[in-house]
Amino acid sequence: MKKTWKILFWICFVLFIFSNIFWIYNIIDMSVGKSYYEVSCNEYYNDMLELKKILENNMNKEQVIDFLRKNEIKYEGFEKGNEFVIILNSFDLTFGNDGKLKISEIH
């Protein structure tokens, strides 16, 4: 009978240790995930503010590129058929042949 209690005690003790280790891991994982979420939300918010400035002023292609360079905003621009596309972090701007904004997409 004594031996059975010892075995049960050690089984419960090992389960207790493993459950605490799992709980600690979950807490750390949730905190890391939350910090990544906050960073991505801040990036989207900053990008939204930049897009708002561009759209409010109804800028053409050259004005947008000058605005991005002046504010030191990283972007990627390329020709796609008859259109010129400027890709920022979470959105892109598409300009037609006349240099006017046709489409802005958020992704």
C-alpha atoms as a PDB file:
ATOM      1  CA  MET A   1       0.000   0.000   0.000  1.00  0.00           C
ATOM      2  CA  LYS A   2       2.850   2.405   0.839  1.00  0.00           C
ATOM      3  CA  LYS A   3       4.483   1.741  -2.477  1.00  0.00           C
ATOM      4  CA  THR A   4       1.283   2.578  -4.372  1.00  0.00           C
ATOM      5  CA  TRP A   5       1.060   5.969  -2.666  1.00  0.00           C
ATOM      6  CA  LYS A   6       4.662   6.758  -3.547  1.00  0.00           C
ATOM      7  CA  ILE A   7       4.070   5.893  -7.183  1.00  0.00           C
ATOM      8  CA  LEU A   8       0.880   7.977  -7.295  1.00  0.00           C
ATOM      9  CA  PHE A   9       2.631  10.867  -5.572  1.00  0.00           C
ATOM     10  CA  TRP A  10       5.458  10.917  -8.121  1.00  0.00           C
ATOM     11  CA  ILE A  11       3.049  10.632 -11.048  1.00  0.00           C
ATOM     12  CA  CYS A  12       1.056  13.592  -9.725  1.00  0.00           C
ATOM     13  CA  PHE A  13       4.242  15.542  -9.074  1.00  0.00           C
ATOM     14  CA  VAL A  14       5.520  14.973 -12.625  1.00  0.00           C
ATOM     15  CA  LEU A  15       2.115  15.984 -14.056  1.00  0.00           C
ATOM     16  CA  PHE A  16       2.182  19.113 -11.895  1.00  0.00           C
ATOM     17  CA  ILE A  17       5.663  20.073 -13.150  1.00  0.00           C
ATOM     18  CA  PHE A  18       4.733  19.466 -16.801  1.00  0.00           C
ATOM     19  CA  SER A  19       1.510  21.434 -16.495  1.00  0.00           C
ATOM     20  CA  ASN A  20       3.379  24.396 -14.995  1.00  0.00           C
ATOM     21  CA  ILE A  21       6.022  24.258 -17.724  1.00  0.00           C
ATOM     22  CA  PHE A  22       3.245  24.209 -20.345  1.00  0.00           C
ATOM     23  CA  TRP A  23       1.500  27.136 -18.635  1.00  0.00           C
ATOM     24  CA  ILE A  24       4.740  29.192 -18.560  1.00  0.00           C
ATOM     25  CA  TYR A  25       5.337  28.418 -22.234  1.00  0.00           C
ATOM     26  CA  ASN A  26       1.808  29.596 -23.122  1.00  0.00           C
ATOM     27  CA  ILE A  27       2.269  32.863 -21.221  1.00  0.00           C
ATOM     28  CA  ILE A  28       5.550  33.595 -23.012  1.00  0.00           C
ATOM     29  CA  ASP A  29       4.073  32.629 -26.394  1.00  0.00           C
ATOM     30  CA  MET A  30       1.047  34.888 -25.907  1.00  0.00           C
ATOM     31  CA  SER A  31       3.207  37.846 -24.897  1.00  0.00           C
ATOM     32  CA  VAL A  32       5.449  37.450 -27.952  1.00  0.00           C
ATOM     33  CA  GLY A  33       2.397  37.128 -30.210  1.00  0.00           C
ATOM     34  CA  LYS A  34       0.833  40.232 -28.680  1.00  0.00           C
ATOM     35  CA  SER A  35       3.977  42.274 -29.264  1.00  0.00           C
ATOM     36  CA  TYR A  36       4.104  41.196 -32.939  1.00  0.00           C
ATOM     37  CA  TYR A  37       0.418  42.097 -33.270  1.00  0.00           C
ATOM     38  CA  GLU A  38       0.966  45.573 -31.781  1.00  0.00           C
ATOM     39  CA  VAL A  39       3.917  46.244 -34.089  1.00  0.00           C
ATOM     40  CA  SER A  40       1.952  45.225 -37.181  1.00  0.00           C
ATOM     41  CA  CYS A  41      -1.030  47.364 -36.088  1.00  0.00           C
ATOM     42  CA  ASN A  42       1.257  50.377 -35.633  1.00  0.00           C
ATOM     43  CA  GLU A  43       2.761  49.815 -39.090  1.00  0.00           C
ATOM     44  CA  TYR A  44      -0.684  49.614 -40.690  1.00  0.00           C
ATOM     45  CA  TYR A  45      -1.762  52.765 -38.855  1.00  0.00           C
ATOM     46  CA  ASN A  46       1.324  54.695 -39.998  1.00  0.00           C
ATOM     47  CA  ASP A  47       0.810  53.487 -43.566  1.00  0.00           C
ATOM     48  CA  MET A  48      -2.824  54.554 -43.405  1.00  0.00           C
ATOM     49  CA  LEU A  49      -1.781  58.064 -42.347  1.00  0.00           C
ATOM     50  CA  GLU A  50       0.646  58.284 -45.281  1.00  0.00           C
ATOM     51  CA  LEU A  51      -2.024  57.064 -47.697  1.00  0.00           C
ATOM     52  CA  LYS A  52      -4.475  59.618 -46.299  1.00  0.00           C
ATOM     53  CA  LYS A  53      -1.996  62.470 -46.955  1.00  0.00           C
ATOM     54  CA  ILE A  54      -1.470  61.279 -50.523  1.00  0.00           C
ATOM     55  CA  LEU A  55      -5.161  60.843 -51.304  1.00  0.00           C
ATOM     56  CA  GLU A  56      -6.264  64.101 -49.659  1.00  0.00           C
ATOM     57  CA  ASN A  57      -3.944  66.145 -51.860  1.00  0.00           C
ATOM     58  CA  ASN A  58      -4.918  64.224 -55.026  1.00  0.00           C
ATOM     59  CA  MET A  59      -1.261  63.939 -56.042  1.00  0.00           C
ATOM     60  CA  ASN A  60      -0.021  62.646 -59.372  1.00  0.00           C
ATOM     61  CA  LYS A  61       2.788  60.120 -59.811  1.00  0.00           C
ATOM     62  CA  GLU A  62       5.670  62.619 -59.643  1.00  0.00           C
ATOM     63  CA  GLN A  63       4.225  64.388 -56.605  1.00  0.00           C
ATOM     64  CA  VAL A  64       3.761  61.088 -54.772  1.00  0.00           C
ATOM     65  CA  ILE A  65       7.338  60.026 -55.505  1.00  0.00           C
ATOM     66  CA  ASP A  66       8.644  63.426 -54.343  1.00  0.00           C
ATOM     67  CA  PHE A  67       6.496  63.166 -51.193  1.00  0.00           C
ATOM     68  CA  LEU A  68       7.848  59.676 -50.425  1.00  0.00           C
ATOM     69  CA  ARG A  69      11.465  60.726 -50.984  1.00  0.00           C
ATOM     70  CA  LYS A  70      11.084  63.921 -48.953  1.00  0.00           C
ATOM     71  CA  ASN A  71       9.623  62.005 -45.986  1.00  0.00           C
ATOM     72  CA  GLU A  72      12.141  59.160 -46.416  1.00  0.00           C
ATOM     73  CA  ILE A  73       9.428  56.540 -46.842  1.00  0.00           C
ATOM     74  CA  LYS A  74      10.584  53.252 -48.347  1.00  0.00           C
ATOM     75  CA  TYR A  75       8.722  52.256 -51.481  1.00  0.00           C
ATOM     76  CA  GLU A  76       9.086  50.151 -54.595  1.00  0.00           C
ATOM     77  CA  GLY A  77       7.982  51.493 -57.958  1.00  0.00           C
ATOM     78  CA  PHE A  78       7.753  49.662 -61.288  1.00  0.00           C
ATOM     79  CA  GLU A  79       6.023  49.722 -64.662  1.00  0.00           C
ATOM     80  CA  LYS A  80       3.254  47.183 -65.197  1.00  0.00           C
ATOM     81  CA  GLY A  81       2.055  47.410 -68.778  1.00  0.00           C
ATOM     82  CA  ASN A  82       0.652  50.924 -69.245  1.00  0.00           C
ATOM     83  CA  GLU A  83       0.515  51.552 -65.506  1.00  0.00           C
ATOM     84  CA  PHE A  84       3.044  52.625 -62.902  1.00  0.00           C
ATOM     85  CA  VAL A  85       2.714  50.893 -59.523  1.00  0.00           C
ATOM     86  CA  ILE A  86       4.135  52.150 -56.227  1.00  0.00           C
ATOM     87  CA  ILE A  87       4.177  49.550 -53.459  1.00  0.00           C
ATOM     88  CA  LEU A  88       4.493  50.610 -49.847  1.00  0.00           C
ATOM     89  CA  ASN A  89       4.289  48.304 -46.827  1.00  0.00           C
ATOM     90  CA  SER A  90       0.579  47.551 -46.633  1.00  0.00           C
ATOM     91  CA  PHE A  91      -0.857  49.237 -49.718  1.00  0.00           C
ATOM     92  CA  ASP A  92      -0.058  50.015 -53.312  1.00  0.00           C
ATOM     93  CA  LEU A  93      -0.913  52.860 -55.660  1.00  0.00           C
ATOM     94  CA  THR A  94      -1.531  52.387 -59.388  1.00  0.00           C
ATOM     95  CA  PHE A  95      -1.148  55.323 -61.789  1.00  0.00           C
ATOM     96  CA  GLY A  96      -2.376  55.442 -65.382  1.00  0.00           C
ATOM     97  CA  ASN A  97      -0.584  56.793 -68.473  1.00  0.00           C
ATOM     98  CA  ASP A  98      -1.564  60.352 -67.566  1.00  0.00           C
ATOM     99  CA  GLY A  99       0.153  60.042 -64.162  1.00  0.00           C
ATOM    100  CA  LYS A 100      -3.102  60.238 -62.196  1.00  0.00           C
ATOM    101  CA  LEU A 101      -4.025  57.796 -59.453  1.00  0.00           C
ATOM    102  CA  LYS A 102      -6.337  55.039 -60.683  1.00  0.00           C
ATOM    103  CA  ILE A 103      -6.452  52.490 -57.885  1.00  0.00           C
ATOM    104  CA  SER A 104      -5.165  52.176 -54.355  1.00  0.00           C
ATOM    105  CA  GLU A 105      -5.285  48.751 -52.793  1.00  0.00           C
ATOM    106  CA  ILE A 106      -4.692  47.755 -49.208  1.00  0.00           C
ATOM    107  CA  HIS A 107      -3.291  44.279 -48.533  1.00  0.00           C
END
